[in-house]
Amino acid sequence: MHVFEGKLSTKAKWTRGVFISWMGFTDEGLTAFGKGKRVICVSGYDFYHSLSHGIALPDLLEAKLRHAAETGEPYAEFDRIYTLKDKIPGTPK
């Protein structure tokens, strides 16, 4: 992820990257990567739950980007961003 972040640093300041890991991310890896980066992390769990709840990929990425902007965290699991109790597609917490 550090190499990917380095590639983004050569682009425009507003450029963001999406790093996809089907198996997810460890707490240790995310801690080592740090906060306040230009990379948004997406896991297979996020994809599965967004598709099964009818949430389009652009909506998922927008919610993850907002979370990253507010917290500095590059990754938040789907359940932290969306509320499933109401089962309303596209409703961020």
N, C-alpha and C. Protein backbone atom coordinates (compact mmCIF):
# COMPACT_ATOMS: atom_id res chain seq x y z
N MET A 1 0.82 -1.18 0.00
CA MET A 1 0.00 0.00 0.00
C MET A 1 0.88 1.26 0.00
N HIS A 2 2.06 1.17 0.63
CA HIS A 2 2.95 2.33 0.64
C HIS A 2 3.42 2.68 -0.77
N VAL A 3 3.70 1.66 -1.58
CA VAL A 3 4.14 1.91 -2.96
C VAL A 3 3.01 2.57 -3.75
N PHE A 4 1.79 2.08 -3.57
CA PHE A 4 0.63 2.65 -4.24
C PHE A 4 0.45 4.11 -3.82
N GLU A 5 0.55 4.38 -2.53
CA GLU A 5 0.45 5.76 -2.03
C GLU A 5 1.53 6.63 -2.66
N GLY A 6 2.74 6.08 -2.82
CA GLY A 6 3.82 6.82 -3.45
C GLY A 6 3.50 7.19 -4.89
N LYS A 7 2.88 6.28 -5.62
CA LYS A 7 2.47 6.57 -7.00
C LYS A 7 1.45 7.71 -7.03
N LEU A 8 0.53 7.71 -6.07
CA LEU A 8 -0.48 8.76 -6.03
C LEU A 8 0.12 10.12 -5.73
N SER A 9 1.22 10.14 -5.00
CA SER A 9 1.83 11.42 -4.63
C SER A 9 2.39 12.16 -5.84
N THR A 10 2.56 11.46 -6.95
CA THR A 10 3.04 12.11 -8.18
C THR A 10 1.89 12.68 -9.01
N LYS A 11 0.67 12.47 -8.56
CA LYS A 11 -0.52 12.95 -9.28
C LYS A 11 -1.07 14.21 -8.62
N ALA A 12 -2.16 14.72 -9.15
CA ALA A 12 -2.80 15.91 -8.59
C ALA A 12 -3.19 15.67 -7.13
N LYS A 13 -3.21 16.72 -6.34
CA LYS A 13 -3.51 16.61 -4.90
C LYS A 13 -4.86 15.96 -4.61
N TRP A 14 -5.83 16.17 -5.48
CA TRP A 14 -7.18 15.63 -5.25
C TRP A 14 -7.31 14.17 -5.68
N THR A 15 -6.27 13.59 -6.27
CA THR A 15 -6.32 12.21 -6.74
C THR A 15 -6.43 11.24 -5.58
N ARG A 16 -7.30 10.25 -5.73
CA ARG A 16 -7.47 9.20 -4.74
C ARG A 16 -7.26 7.86 -5.43
N GLY A 17 -6.86 6.87 -4.66
CA GLY A 17 -6.69 5.52 -5.18
C GLY A 17 -7.53 4.55 -4.38
N VAL A 18 -7.95 3.48 -5.01
CA VAL A 18 -8.72 2.43 -4.33
C VAL A 18 -7.85 1.18 -4.31
N PHE A 19 -7.59 0.69 -3.11
CA PHE A 19 -6.81 -0.53 -2.92
C PHE A 19 -7.78 -1.63 -2.51
N ILE A 20 -7.86 -2.67 -3.33
CA ILE A 20 -8.83 -3.75 -3.09
C ILE A 20 -8.10 -4.99 -2.60
N SER A 21 -8.57 -5.52 -1.48
CA SER A 21 -8.05 -6.78 -0.94
C SER A 21 -9.24 -7.68 -0.67
N TRP A 22 -9.32 -8.77 -1.40
CA TRP A 22 -10.47 -9.66 -1.26
C TRP A 22 -10.57 -10.21 0.16
N MET A 23 -9.43 -10.46 0.80
CA MET A 23 -9.42 -11.05 2.13
C MET A 23 -9.43 -10.02 3.26
N GLY A 24 -9.45 -8.75 2.93
CA GLY A 24 -9.53 -7.72 3.96
C GLY A 24 -8.17 -7.20 4.38
N PHE A 25 -8.16 -6.51 5.50
CA PHE A 25 -6.97 -5.82 5.99
C PHE A 25 -6.79 -6.12 7.47
N THR A 26 -5.55 -6.33 7.89
CA THR A 26 -5.30 -6.56 9.30
C THR A 26 -5.17 -5.23 10.02
N ASP A 27 -5.46 -5.24 11.31
CA ASP A 27 -5.28 -4.02 12.11
C ASP A 27 -3.83 -3.59 12.10
N GLU A 28 -2.92 -4.56 12.16
CA GLU A 28 -1.49 -4.25 12.16
C GLU A 28 -1.07 -3.57 10.85
N GLY A 29 -1.58 -4.09 9.74
CA GLY A 29 -1.25 -3.52 8.44
C GLY A 29 -1.78 -2.10 8.29
N LEU A 30 -3.00 -1.88 8.74
CA LEU A 30 -3.59 -0.54 8.65
C LEU A 30 -2.86 0.44 9.57
N THR A 31 -2.45 -0.03 10.74
CA THR A 31 -1.70 0.82 11.66
C THR A 31 -0.35 1.20 11.05
N ALA A 32 0.31 0.22 10.45
CA ALA A 32 1.61 0.49 9.81
C ALA A 32 1.46 1.45 8.63
N PHE A 33 0.35 1.34 7.91
CA PHE A 33 0.11 2.22 6.77
C PHE A 33 -0.13 3.65 7.23
N GLY A 34 -0.84 3.83 8.33
CA GLY A 34 -1.06 5.14 8.90
C GLY A 34 -2.37 5.78 8.46
N LYS A 35 -2.59 6.99 8.95
CA LYS A 35 -3.82 7.74 8.66
C LYS A 35 -3.53 8.90 7.73
N GLY A 36 -4.62 9.45 7.19
CA GLY A 36 -4.51 10.65 6.38
C GLY A 36 -3.90 10.44 5.01
N LYS A 37 -4.04 9.24 4.47
CA LYS A 37 -3.47 8.93 3.16
C LYS A 37 -4.51 9.19 2.06
N ARG A 38 -4.08 9.04 0.82
CA ARG A 38 -4.97 9.25 -0.33
C ARG A 38 -5.53 7.95 -0.86
N VAL A 39 -5.34 6.86 -0.13
CA VAL A 39 -5.82 5.55 -0.54
C VAL A 39 -7.06 5.18 0.25
N ILE A 40 -8.07 4.70 -0.45
CA ILE A 40 -9.28 4.19 0.16
C ILE A 40 -9.23 2.67 0.02
N CYS A 41 -9.41 1.96 1.11
CA CYS A 41 -9.33 0.50 1.09
C CYS A 41 -10.72 -0.14 1.04
N VAL A 42 -10.84 -1.15 0.19
CA VAL A 42 -12.10 -1.87 0.02
C VAL A 42 -11.80 -3.36 0.11
N SER A 43 -12.63 -4.09 0.86
CA SER A 43 -12.43 -5.53 1.02
C SER A 43 -13.51 -6.30 0.28
N GLY A 44 -13.28 -7.59 0.15
CA GLY A 44 -14.30 -8.47 -0.44
C GLY A 44 -15.58 -8.45 0.37
N TYR A 45 -15.45 -8.34 1.69
CA TYR A 45 -16.61 -8.24 2.57
C TYR A 45 -17.44 -7.01 2.20
N ASP A 46 -16.77 -5.90 1.95
CA ASP A 46 -17.47 -4.67 1.56
C ASP A 46 -18.23 -4.86 0.25
N PHE A 47 -17.54 -5.46 -0.75
CA PHE A 47 -18.18 -5.72 -2.04
C PHE A 47 -19.40 -6.62 -1.89
N TYR A 48 -19.22 -7.71 -1.17
CA TYR A 48 -20.31 -8.67 -1.01
C TYR A 48 -21.54 -8.00 -0.39
N HIS A 49 -21.35 -7.30 0.70
CA HIS A 49 -22.49 -6.71 1.39
C HIS A 49 -23.10 -5.53 0.64
N SER A 50 -22.27 -4.77 -0.07
CA SER A 50 -22.86 -3.67 -0.84
C SER A 50 -23.71 -4.21 -1.98
N LEU A 51 -23.22 -5.23 -2.67
CA LEU A 51 -23.99 -5.82 -3.77
C LEU A 51 -25.25 -6.52 -3.26
N SER A 52 -25.14 -7.23 -2.14
CA SER A 52 -26.31 -7.95 -1.63
C SER A 52 -27.37 -7.02 -1.05
N HIS A 53 -27.00 -5.78 -0.76
CA HIS A 53 -27.97 -4.79 -0.26
C HIS A 53 -28.32 -3.74 -1.31
N GLY A 54 -27.90 -3.97 -2.55
CA GLY A 54 -28.28 -3.08 -3.64
C GLY A 54 -27.59 -1.73 -3.61
N ILE A 55 -26.41 -1.66 -3.01
CA ILE A 55 -25.67 -0.40 -2.95
C ILE A 55 -24.65 -0.40 -4.08
N ALA A 56 -24.76 0.57 -4.95
CA ALA A 56 -23.88 0.66 -6.12
C ALA A 56 -22.45 0.98 -5.68
N LEU A 57 -21.48 0.53 -6.47
CA LEU A 57 -20.07 0.76 -6.15
C LEU A 57 -19.75 2.25 -5.98
N PRO A 58 -20.23 3.14 -6.85
CA PRO A 58 -19.93 4.57 -6.62
C PRO A 58 -20.45 5.07 -5.28
N ASP A 59 -21.60 4.57 -4.84
CA ASP A 59 -22.15 4.98 -3.54
C ASP A 59 -21.29 4.45 -2.39
N LEU A 60 -20.83 3.21 -2.52
CA LEU A 60 -19.94 2.63 -1.51
C LEU A 60 -18.65 3.43 -1.41
N LEU A 61 -18.05 3.74 -2.56
CA LEU A 61 -16.80 4.49 -2.56
C LEU A 61 -17.00 5.89 -2.00
N GLU A 62 -18.11 6.52 -2.31
CA GLU A 62 -18.39 7.86 -1.78
C GLU A 62 -18.50 7.82 -0.25
N ALA A 63 -19.19 6.81 0.27
CA ALA A 63 -19.33 6.68 1.73
C ALA A 63 -17.98 6.41 2.38
N LYS A 64 -17.15 5.57 1.75
CA LYS A 64 -15.83 5.27 2.29
C LYS A 64 -14.93 6.51 2.22
N LEU A 65 -15.03 7.28 1.15
CA LEU A 65 -14.25 8.51 1.02
C LEU A 65 -14.65 9.52 2.08
N ARG A 66 -15.94 9.64 2.34
CA ARG A 66 -16.40 10.57 3.38
C ARG A 66 -15.87 10.14 4.75
N HIS A 67 -15.94 8.83 5.02
CA HIS A 67 -15.42 8.32 6.29
C HIS A 67 -13.92 8.62 6.41
N ALA A 68 -13.17 8.39 5.35
CA ALA A 68 -11.73 8.64 5.37
C ALA A 68 -11.44 10.13 5.59
N ALA A 69 -12.22 10.99 4.96
CA ALA A 69 -12.02 12.43 5.11
C ALA A 69 -12.32 12.88 6.53
N GLU A 70 -13.32 12.27 7.16
CA GLU A 70 -13.72 12.67 8.52
C GLU A 70 -12.81 12.09 9.59
N THR A 71 -12.26 10.89 9.37
CA THR A 71 -11.49 10.21 10.41
C THR A 71 -10.01 10.06 10.11
N GLY A 72 -9.64 10.15 8.84
CA GLY A 72 -8.27 9.89 8.44
C GLY A 72 -7.96 8.41 8.25
N GLU A 73 -8.93 7.55 8.53
CA GLU A 73 -8.73 6.10 8.40
C GLU A 73 -8.91 5.67 6.95
N PRO A 74 -7.96 4.89 6.41
CA PRO A 74 -8.09 4.46 5.02
C PRO A 74 -9.13 3.36 4.83
N TYR A 75 -9.49 2.67 5.92
CA TYR A 75 -10.43 1.56 5.80
C TYR A 75 -11.44 1.57 6.94
N ALA A 76 -12.69 1.39 6.58
CA ALA A 76 -13.76 1.15 7.53
C ALA A 76 -14.61 0.04 6.95
N GLU A 77 -14.85 -0.99 7.74
CA GLU A 77 -15.66 -2.10 7.27
C GLU A 77 -17.07 -1.62 6.94
N PHE A 78 -17.69 -2.30 5.99
CA PHE A 78 -19.02 -1.96 5.52
C PHE A 78 -19.98 -1.67 6.67
N ASP A 79 -19.96 -2.53 7.70
CA ASP A 79 -20.89 -2.40 8.83
C ASP A 79 -20.70 -1.10 9.60
N ARG A 80 -19.50 -0.55 9.58
CA ARG A 80 -19.25 0.73 10.27
C ARG A 80 -19.80 1.90 9.49
N ILE A 81 -19.97 1.74 8.19
CA ILE A 81 -20.42 2.85 7.35
C ILE A 81 -21.93 2.82 7.12
N TYR A 82 -22.47 1.63 6.94
CA TYR A 82 -23.90 1.50 6.64
C TYR A 82 -24.64 0.83 7.77
N THR A 83 -25.85 1.29 7.98
CA THR A 83 -26.72 0.66 8.96
C THR A 83 -27.58 -0.37 8.24
N LEU A 84 -27.57 -1.59 8.72
CA LEU A 84 -28.33 -2.65 8.07
C LEU A 84 -29.65 -2.94 8.78
N LYS A 85 -29.83 -2.39 9.97
CA LYS A 85 -31.05 -2.69 10.71
C LYS A 85 -32.30 -2.22 9.96
N ASP A 86 -32.19 -1.12 9.24
CA ASP A 86 -33.34 -0.62 8.49
C ASP A 86 -33.41 -1.23 7.09
N LYS A 87 -32.30 -1.87 6.66
CA LYS A 87 -32.22 -2.49 5.35
C LYS A 87 -32.61 -1.53 4.23
N ILE A 88 -32.20 -0.28 4.38
CA ILE A 88 -32.45 0.72 3.35
C ILE A 88 -31.18 0.86 2.52
N PRO A 89 -31.20 0.43 1.26
CA PRO A 89 -29.98 0.53 0.45
C PRO A 89 -29.49 1.97 0.34
N GLY A 90 -28.19 2.11 0.47
CA GLY A 90 -27.57 3.41 0.26
C GLY A 90 -27.69 4.38 1.42
N THR A 91 -28.12 3.91 2.59
CA THR A 91 -28.29 4.81 3.73
C THR A 91 -27.05 4.74 4.62
N PRO A 92 -26.15 5.71 4.53
CA PRO A 92 -24.99 5.71 5.42
C PRO A 92 -25.40 6.03 6.83
N LYS A 93 -24.56 5.61 7.78
CA LYS A 93 -24.83 5.91 9.20
C LYS A 93 -24.67 7.37 9.44
